[in-house]
Amino acid sequence: MENGEPDRRGARMEQVGNTQRQSPRMERERATVEVMIRRFCRDQHGDGSELCPRCRELLDYARYRLARCPFQEGKTTCGKCPVHCYKPGMRQRIQEVMRHVGPRMMLTNPLLSFRHFLDGLRRKPRRR
């Protein structure tokens, strides 16, 4: 696959060395969910140096689902998406994380929070 050429799912990937990078929008979504899960784990489960096994599982699952999102660069936030691709148990866990961390994000990560808010203003996700 060439730089910027869609992969088999239609996602635009950028080749960097031997690795591929997702679009800036998807990188931002991945970073946001990781910050939220790490904050939740630190607040609820421990010292913050490492994720507990349950939070590590949730982070791995969230990354997996984001990598396979059919909307990619055209996606809204997951909460407003018409396609709920999380298993019910995992969806409940990520909602718990977002309810806990969401209100605190403006204080700890204002830029990430603001961009996530703007991404949520998209009316309908666009398939790629």
Protein backbone atom coordinates (compact mmCIF):
# COMPACT_ATOMS: atom_id res chain seq x y z
CA MET A 1 0.00 0.00 0.00
CA GLU A 2 1.32 3.44 -0.93
CA ASN A 3 1.30 6.46 1.40
CA GLY A 4 -2.21 7.86 1.77
CA GLU A 5 -3.76 5.03 -0.25
CA PRO A 6 -6.86 3.50 1.35
CA ASP A 7 -6.40 0.05 2.88
CA ARG A 8 -8.93 -2.77 2.43
CA ARG A 9 -11.30 -1.10 4.95
CA GLY A 10 -11.04 2.25 3.19
CA ALA A 11 -8.97 3.81 5.99
CA ARG A 12 -6.25 6.17 4.92
CA MET A 13 -2.98 5.04 6.41
CA GLU A 14 0.39 6.72 6.25
CA GLN A 15 3.51 4.60 5.98
CA VAL A 16 6.18 5.73 8.45
CA GLY A 17 9.25 3.52 8.32
CA ASN A 18 8.07 -0.05 8.88
CA THR A 19 4.87 1.00 10.66
CA GLN A 20 1.60 2.48 9.48
CA ARG A 21 -0.08 5.46 11.11
CA GLN A 22 -3.78 6.16 11.18
CA SER A 23 -5.30 9.45 10.11
CA PRO A 24 -4.90 12.42 12.49
CA ARG A 25 -8.57 12.16 13.51
CA MET A 26 -8.21 8.50 14.50
CA GLU A 27 -4.88 9.13 16.26
CA ARG A 28 -6.62 11.84 18.30
CA GLU A 29 -9.51 9.50 19.16
CA ARG A 30 -7.05 6.80 20.21
CA ALA A 31 -5.09 9.25 22.37
CA THR A 32 -8.29 10.54 24.01
CA VAL A 33 -9.55 7.09 24.97
CA GLU A 34 -6.11 6.13 26.28
CA VAL A 35 -5.86 9.26 28.46
CA MET A 36 -9.35 8.58 29.81
CA ILE A 37 -8.73 4.92 30.64
CA ARG A 38 -5.37 5.69 32.29
CA ARG A 39 -6.92 8.44 34.40
CA PHE A 40 -9.82 6.20 35.41
CA CYS A 41 -7.48 3.37 36.38
CA ARG A 42 -5.26 5.68 38.42
CA ASP A 43 -8.26 7.18 40.23
CA GLN A 44 -10.10 3.91 40.84
CA HIS A 45 -7.57 1.07 40.97
CA GLY A 46 -4.13 2.08 42.01
CA ASP A 47 -0.95 4.06 41.90
CA GLY A 48 -1.04 5.05 38.24
CA SER A 49 2.26 3.55 37.17
CA GLU A 50 0.68 0.61 35.30
CA LEU A 51 -2.82 -0.21 34.18
CA CYS A 52 -4.62 -2.94 36.09
CA PRO A 53 -5.50 -6.04 34.00
CA ARG A 54 -9.15 -4.99 33.52
CA CYS A 55 -8.21 -1.51 32.32
CA ARG A 56 -5.45 -2.92 30.07
CA GLU A 57 -8.05 -5.25 28.53
CA LEU A 58 -10.42 -2.31 27.96
CA LEU A 59 -7.68 -0.18 26.38
CA ASP A 60 -6.64 -3.01 24.07
CA TYR A 61 -10.28 -3.58 23.10
CA ALA A 62 -10.87 0.13 22.45
CA ARG A 63 -7.78 0.32 20.23
CA TYR A 64 -8.93 -2.78 18.34
CA ARG A 65 -12.40 -1.32 17.73
CA LEU A 66 -11.02 2.07 16.64
CA ALA A 67 -8.68 0.41 14.16
CA ARG A 68 -11.69 -1.33 12.60
CA CYS A 69 -14.09 1.61 12.65
CA PRO A 70 -15.86 1.80 9.26
CA PHE A 71 -15.98 5.62 9.39
CA GLN A 72 -12.31 6.38 10.18
CA GLU A 73 -11.54 10.06 9.41
CA GLY A 74 -15.25 10.84 8.93
CA LYS A 75 -16.36 9.51 12.33
CA THR A 76 -18.14 11.39 15.06
CA THR A 77 -17.51 10.46 18.70
CA CYS A 78 -18.37 6.86 19.57
CA GLY A 79 -21.26 7.94 21.80
CA LYS A 80 -23.03 9.53 18.83
CA CYS A 81 -22.23 6.81 16.33
CA PRO A 82 -25.14 4.90 14.75
CA VAL A 83 -23.03 1.70 14.74
CA HIS A 84 -22.37 0.41 18.25
CA CYS A 85 -19.48 -1.94 17.68
CA TYR A 86 -18.55 -2.56 21.34
CA LYS A 87 -19.78 -5.73 23.05
CA PRO A 88 -22.38 -4.84 25.69
CA GLY A 89 -20.04 -5.53 28.63
CA MET A 90 -17.22 -3.48 27.15
CA ARG A 91 -19.60 -0.70 26.20
CA GLN A 92 -20.79 -0.50 29.81
CA ARG A 93 -17.17 -0.33 31.02
CA ILE A 94 -16.14 2.44 28.61
CA GLN A 95 -19.27 4.42 29.53
CA GLU A 96 -18.28 4.15 33.21
CA VAL A 97 -14.81 5.45 32.32
CA MET A 98 -16.24 8.36 30.35
CA ARG A 99 -18.73 9.30 33.06
CA HIS A 100 -15.93 9.41 35.62
CA VAL A 101 -13.21 11.08 33.56
CA GLY A 102 -15.20 13.25 31.15
CA PRO A 103 -15.97 16.10 33.58
CA ARG A 104 -12.32 16.16 34.75
CA MET A 105 -10.83 16.26 31.26
CA MET A 106 -11.32 20.02 30.81
CA LEU A 107 -9.04 20.61 33.79
CA THR A 108 -6.36 18.02 33.01
CA ASN A 109 -6.40 17.88 29.20
CA PRO A 110 -8.23 20.97 27.91
CA LEU A 111 -7.05 20.79 24.29
CA LEU A 112 -7.86 17.10 23.93
CA SER A 113 -11.26 17.73 25.56
CA PHE A 114 -12.07 20.65 23.30
CA ARG A 115 -11.15 18.74 20.14
CA HIS A 116 -13.22 15.76 21.33
CA PHE A 117 -16.13 18.15 21.88
CA LEU A 118 -15.73 19.52 18.34
CA ASP A 119 -15.58 15.99 16.91
CA GLY A 120 -18.86 15.27 18.69
CA LEU A 121 -20.55 18.14 16.82
CA ARG A 122 -20.42 16.18 13.58
CA ARG A 123 -23.98 15.27 12.72
CA LYS A 124 -23.52 12.04 10.85
CA PRO A 125 -20.40 9.97 10.39
CA ARG A 126 -19.26 9.58 6.79
CA ARG A 127 -18.16 6.18 5.55
CA ARG A 128 -14.84 6.04 3.77
